[in-house]
N, C-alpha and C. Protein backbone atom coordinates (compact mmCIF):
# COMPACT_ATOMS: atom_id res chain seq x y z
N SER A 1 10.80 -42.71 7.35
CA SER A 1 11.41 -41.70 8.21
C SER A 1 11.66 -40.41 7.43
N ASN A 2 12.16 -40.55 6.24
CA ASN A 2 12.43 -39.38 5.40
C ASN A 2 11.13 -38.71 4.94
N LEU A 3 10.10 -39.49 4.76
CA LEU A 3 8.81 -38.95 4.33
C LEU A 3 8.15 -38.12 5.44
N ILE A 4 8.47 -38.39 6.67
CA ILE A 4 7.89 -37.64 7.79
C ILE A 4 8.69 -36.35 8.04
N ILE A 5 10.00 -36.43 7.93
CA ILE A 5 10.86 -35.27 8.22
C ILE A 5 10.74 -34.20 7.13
N ARG A 6 10.59 -34.60 5.92
CA ARG A 6 10.55 -33.66 4.80
C ARG A 6 9.38 -32.67 4.89
N PRO A 7 8.12 -33.10 5.15
CA PRO A 7 7.05 -32.10 5.30
C PRO A 7 7.22 -31.19 6.52
N ILE A 8 7.82 -31.73 7.58
CA ILE A 8 8.05 -30.90 8.77
C ILE A 8 9.07 -29.81 8.47
N CYS A 9 10.14 -30.18 7.79
CA CYS A 9 11.15 -29.18 7.41
C CYS A 9 10.57 -28.16 6.44
N LEU A 10 9.75 -28.62 5.54
CA LEU A 10 9.14 -27.72 4.57
C LEU A 10 8.19 -26.75 5.26
N SER A 11 7.41 -27.23 6.21
CA SER A 11 6.49 -26.33 6.90
C SER A 11 7.25 -25.35 7.79
N ILE A 12 8.34 -25.79 8.43
CA ILE A 12 9.15 -24.87 9.23
C ILE A 12 9.78 -23.81 8.33
N TYR A 13 10.25 -24.22 7.16
CA TYR A 13 10.83 -23.27 6.21
C TYR A 13 9.78 -22.28 5.72
N GLN A 14 8.57 -22.75 5.45
CA GLN A 14 7.50 -21.85 5.01
C GLN A 14 7.12 -20.84 6.10
N ILE A 15 7.08 -21.29 7.33
CA ILE A 15 6.78 -20.38 8.44
C ILE A 15 7.88 -19.33 8.58
N TYR A 16 9.12 -19.78 8.52
CA TYR A 16 10.26 -18.86 8.61
C TYR A 16 10.23 -17.85 7.47
N LEU A 17 9.97 -18.33 6.27
CA LEU A 17 9.94 -17.45 5.11
C LEU A 17 8.81 -16.44 5.20
N SER A 18 7.66 -16.87 5.65
CA SER A 18 6.53 -15.95 5.76
C SER A 18 6.78 -14.89 6.83
N ILE A 19 7.37 -15.28 7.96
CA ILE A 19 7.68 -14.30 9.00
C ILE A 19 8.75 -13.34 8.52
N TYR A 20 9.78 -13.87 7.90
CA TYR A 20 10.87 -13.03 7.41
C TYR A 20 10.38 -12.04 6.36
N LEU A 21 9.59 -12.53 5.41
CA LEU A 21 9.09 -11.65 4.36
C LEU A 21 8.13 -10.61 4.90
N SER A 22 7.29 -11.00 5.82
CA SER A 22 6.33 -10.03 6.34
C SER A 22 7.02 -8.93 7.13
N THR A 23 8.01 -9.31 7.96
CA THR A 23 8.70 -8.27 8.74
C THR A 23 9.57 -7.39 7.85
N CYS A 24 10.32 -8.01 6.95
CA CYS A 24 11.18 -7.22 6.07
C CYS A 24 10.36 -6.30 5.16
N LEU A 25 9.29 -6.84 4.59
CA LEU A 25 8.48 -6.01 3.71
C LEU A 25 7.78 -4.90 4.46
N SER A 26 7.30 -5.19 5.66
CA SER A 26 6.61 -4.13 6.40
C SER A 26 7.57 -3.02 6.81
N VAL A 27 8.76 -3.39 7.27
CA VAL A 27 9.75 -2.36 7.65
C VAL A 27 10.21 -1.59 6.43
N TYR A 28 10.53 -2.31 5.36
CA TYR A 28 11.00 -1.64 4.14
C TYR A 28 9.94 -0.72 3.57
N LEU A 29 8.71 -1.21 3.49
CA LEU A 29 7.66 -0.39 2.91
C LEU A 29 7.32 0.81 3.78
N SER A 30 7.35 0.64 5.09
CA SER A 30 7.03 1.78 5.94
C SER A 30 8.11 2.85 5.85
N VAL A 31 9.38 2.43 5.86
CA VAL A 31 10.47 3.41 5.73
C VAL A 31 10.47 4.04 4.35
N TYR A 32 10.33 3.22 3.33
CA TYR A 32 10.34 3.74 1.96
C TYR A 32 9.17 4.68 1.72
N LEU A 33 7.99 4.27 2.16
CA LEU A 33 6.82 5.12 1.94
C LEU A 33 6.90 6.41 2.72
N SER A 34 7.40 6.36 3.93
CA SER A 34 7.47 7.60 4.70
C SER A 34 8.48 8.57 4.09
N ILE A 35 9.65 8.06 3.69
CA ILE A 35 10.65 8.95 3.08
C ILE A 35 10.18 9.42 1.71
N TYR A 36 9.70 8.51 0.88
CA TYR A 36 9.28 8.87 -0.47
C TYR A 36 8.11 9.83 -0.43
N LEU A 37 7.13 9.53 0.40
CA LEU A 37 5.96 10.40 0.44
C LEU A 37 6.27 11.76 1.01
N SER A 38 7.13 11.82 2.00
CA SER A 38 7.45 13.13 2.56
C SER A 38 8.19 14.00 1.54
N ILE A 39 9.16 13.41 0.85
CA ILE A 39 9.91 14.18 -0.15
C ILE A 39 9.03 14.50 -1.35
N TYR A 40 8.33 13.49 -1.87
CA TYR A 40 7.53 13.70 -3.07
C TYR A 40 6.39 14.68 -2.81
N LEU A 41 5.71 14.50 -1.69
CA LEU A 41 4.58 15.38 -1.42
C LEU A 41 5.02 16.80 -1.11
N SER A 42 6.15 16.97 -0.46
CA SER A 42 6.61 18.33 -0.19
C SER A 42 7.00 19.04 -1.48
N ILE A 43 7.71 18.33 -2.37
CA ILE A 43 8.09 18.93 -3.65
C ILE A 43 6.85 19.17 -4.51
N TYR A 44 5.96 18.18 -4.56
CA TYR A 44 4.76 18.31 -5.37
C TYR A 44 3.88 19.44 -4.85
N LEU A 45 3.72 19.50 -3.54
CA LEU A 45 2.88 20.56 -2.98
C LEU A 45 3.49 21.94 -3.20
N SER A 46 4.80 22.04 -3.05
CA SER A 46 5.41 23.36 -3.23
C SER A 46 5.30 23.83 -4.67
N VAL A 47 5.56 22.95 -5.62
CA VAL A 47 5.47 23.35 -7.04
C VAL A 47 4.02 23.56 -7.46
N TYR A 48 3.17 22.58 -7.15
CA TYR A 48 1.78 22.66 -7.58
C TYR A 48 1.05 23.83 -6.94
N LEU A 49 1.23 23.99 -5.64
CA LEU A 49 0.51 25.06 -4.97
C LEU A 49 1.03 26.44 -5.36
N SER A 50 2.32 26.56 -5.63
CA SER A 50 2.82 27.87 -6.04
C SER A 50 2.27 28.26 -7.41
N VAL A 51 2.25 27.31 -8.34
CA VAL A 51 1.68 27.59 -9.67
C VAL A 51 0.18 27.82 -9.57
N TYR A 52 -0.48 26.95 -8.80
CA TYR A 52 -1.93 27.06 -8.67
C TYR A 52 -2.33 28.36 -7.97
N LEU A 53 -1.58 28.73 -6.94
CA LEU A 53 -1.91 29.96 -6.22
C LEU A 53 -1.69 31.18 -7.09
N SER A 54 -0.64 31.18 -7.89
CA SER A 54 -0.40 32.35 -8.75
C SER A 54 -1.47 32.48 -9.81
N ILE A 55 -1.91 31.36 -10.38
CA ILE A 55 -2.98 31.42 -11.39
C ILE A 55 -4.31 31.79 -10.73
N TYR A 56 -4.57 31.19 -9.59
CA TYR A 56 -5.86 31.42 -8.93
C TYR A 56 -5.96 32.83 -8.38
N LEU A 57 -4.84 33.39 -7.92
CA LEU A 57 -4.85 34.76 -7.42
C LEU A 57 -5.12 35.77 -8.53
N SER A 58 -4.66 35.46 -9.72
CA SER A 58 -4.88 36.39 -10.82
C SER A 58 -6.32 36.34 -11.34
N ILE A 59 -7.05 35.25 -11.06
CA ILE A 59 -8.41 35.10 -11.57
C ILE A 59 -9.46 35.50 -10.53
N CYS A 60 -9.33 34.97 -9.31
CA CYS A 60 -10.39 35.12 -8.31
C CYS A 60 -10.11 36.28 -7.37
N PRO A 61 -11.17 36.83 -6.78
CA PRO A 61 -10.98 37.91 -5.81
C PRO A 61 -10.32 37.41 -4.53
N PRO A 62 -9.64 38.28 -3.81
CA PRO A 62 -8.86 37.84 -2.64
C PRO A 62 -9.70 37.25 -1.50
N SER A 63 -10.86 37.79 -1.23
CA SER A 63 -11.64 37.29 -0.09
C SER A 63 -12.09 35.85 -0.33
N PHE A 64 -12.54 35.55 -1.54
CA PHE A 64 -12.92 34.18 -1.87
C PHE A 64 -11.71 33.26 -1.85
N PHE A 65 -10.56 33.77 -2.25
CA PHE A 65 -9.35 32.96 -2.26
C PHE A 65 -8.93 32.57 -0.85
N VAL A 66 -9.02 33.51 0.08
CA VAL A 66 -8.64 33.20 1.47
C VAL A 66 -9.56 32.13 2.04
N PHE A 67 -10.84 32.26 1.77
CA PHE A 67 -11.79 31.25 2.25
C PHE A 67 -11.50 29.90 1.62
N PHE A 68 -11.27 29.87 0.31
CA PHE A 68 -11.03 28.62 -0.40
C PHE A 68 -9.72 27.97 0.03
N SER A 69 -8.67 28.76 0.19
CA SER A 69 -7.38 28.18 0.57
C SER A 69 -7.42 27.63 1.99
N THR A 70 -8.11 28.31 2.89
CA THR A 70 -8.23 27.81 4.26
C THR A 70 -9.02 26.51 4.29
N ALA A 71 -10.12 26.45 3.55
CA ALA A 71 -10.92 25.23 3.51
C ALA A 71 -10.14 24.09 2.86
N PHE A 72 -9.45 24.39 1.77
CA PHE A 72 -8.68 23.37 1.06
C PHE A 72 -7.57 22.80 1.94
N LEU A 73 -6.84 23.68 2.61
CA LEU A 73 -5.74 23.23 3.45
C LEU A 73 -6.23 22.42 4.64
N SER A 74 -7.35 22.83 5.25
CA SER A 74 -7.84 22.07 6.40
C SER A 74 -8.35 20.69 5.97
N ILE A 75 -9.05 20.63 4.84
CA ILE A 75 -9.54 19.33 4.35
C ILE A 75 -8.36 18.43 3.96
N PHE A 76 -7.39 18.98 3.25
CA PHE A 76 -6.25 18.19 2.81
C PHE A 76 -5.42 17.70 4.00
N PHE A 77 -5.23 18.57 4.98
CA PHE A 77 -4.44 18.18 6.14
C PHE A 77 -5.15 17.11 6.97
N SER A 78 -6.47 17.19 7.04
CA SER A 78 -7.20 16.16 7.79
C SER A 78 -7.15 14.82 7.06
N ILE A 79 -7.19 14.84 5.72
CA ILE A 79 -7.08 13.59 4.96
C ILE A 79 -5.69 12.98 5.14
N ILE A 80 -4.67 13.81 5.06
CA ILE A 80 -3.30 13.32 5.20
C ILE A 80 -3.07 12.76 6.61
N SER A 81 -3.51 13.47 7.61
CA SER A 81 -3.27 12.98 8.97
C SER A 81 -4.14 11.77 9.29
N ALA A 82 -5.30 11.66 8.64
CA ALA A 82 -6.13 10.49 8.88
C ALA A 82 -5.50 9.24 8.28
N GLN A 83 -4.74 9.39 7.24
CA GLN A 83 -4.10 8.23 6.62
C GLN A 83 -2.71 7.96 7.19
N HIS A 84 -2.31 8.68 8.23
CA HIS A 84 -1.03 8.49 8.92
C HIS A 84 0.16 8.72 8.01
N PHE A 85 0.03 9.63 7.04
CA PHE A 85 1.16 9.99 6.21
C PHE A 85 1.66 11.39 6.53
N SER A 86 1.23 11.91 7.68
CA SER A 86 1.59 13.29 7.99
C SER A 86 3.02 13.32 8.55
N SER A 87 3.93 13.71 7.74
CA SER A 87 5.32 13.83 8.18
C SER A 87 5.58 15.26 8.59
N SER A 88 6.72 15.50 9.18
CA SER A 88 7.04 16.84 9.64
C SER A 88 7.25 17.80 8.47
N ILE A 89 7.80 17.29 7.37
CA ILE A 89 8.00 18.14 6.20
C ILE A 89 6.67 18.56 5.61
N LEU A 90 5.73 17.62 5.54
CA LEU A 90 4.43 17.93 4.98
C LEU A 90 3.66 18.89 5.88
N LYS A 91 3.74 18.67 7.19
CA LYS A 91 3.09 19.60 8.12
C LYS A 91 3.69 20.99 8.00
N LEU A 92 5.00 21.04 7.92
CA LEU A 92 5.66 22.34 7.80
C LEU A 92 5.27 23.03 6.50
N THR A 93 5.19 22.27 5.41
CA THR A 93 4.79 22.85 4.13
C THR A 93 3.37 23.40 4.20
N LEU A 94 2.47 22.62 4.78
CA LEU A 94 1.09 23.09 4.87
C LEU A 94 0.94 24.29 5.80
N VAL A 95 1.67 24.27 6.89
CA VAL A 95 1.61 25.42 7.80
C VAL A 95 2.17 26.66 7.13
N LEU A 96 3.27 26.52 6.40
CA LEU A 96 3.84 27.67 5.71
C LEU A 96 2.89 28.21 4.65
N TYR A 97 2.23 27.32 3.92
CA TYR A 97 1.28 27.79 2.92
C TYR A 97 0.07 28.45 3.56
N SER A 98 -0.39 27.91 4.67
CA SER A 98 -1.54 28.55 5.31
C SER A 98 -1.17 29.92 5.86
N LEU A 99 0.06 30.02 6.43
CA LEU A 99 0.50 31.33 6.93
C LEU A 99 0.72 32.31 5.80
N THR A 100 1.29 31.84 4.70
CA THR A 100 1.51 32.71 3.55
C THR A 100 0.19 33.17 2.95
N GLY A 101 -0.77 32.25 2.84
CA GLY A 101 -2.08 32.62 2.32
C GLY A 101 -2.82 33.57 3.23
N ALA A 102 -2.60 33.44 4.54
CA ALA A 102 -3.28 34.33 5.47
C ALA A 102 -2.65 35.71 5.48
N HIS A 103 -1.33 35.81 5.23
CA HIS A 103 -0.66 37.10 5.28
C HIS A 103 -0.61 37.81 3.93
N LEU A 104 -1.12 37.19 2.88
CA LEU A 104 -1.12 37.87 1.59
C LEU A 104 -2.07 39.06 1.58
N PHE A 105 -3.13 38.98 2.38
CA PHE A 105 -4.15 40.02 2.33
C PHE A 105 -4.28 40.69 3.69
């Protein structure tokens, strides 16, 4: 009798543990990744693009820069939105950079 109940309890426990871990990990990872990626990418994009834009503006002519920045932003935004990591902060950052790049010249 004990030999029959023990595997049943073990399998029920394994099912419960797998469901619990999968739901907790999926919720935790989705929330953590969305918050972390939105904050990290917005800070990284603001710092990196400001330094990169200042260096690139001093080297390249303005017409080529406008073309390159528009192409870069559209490609980057399509990659981000295709991977479902497009948060409102990231969209706002990209829109602000595209507007700033368009109004520089």
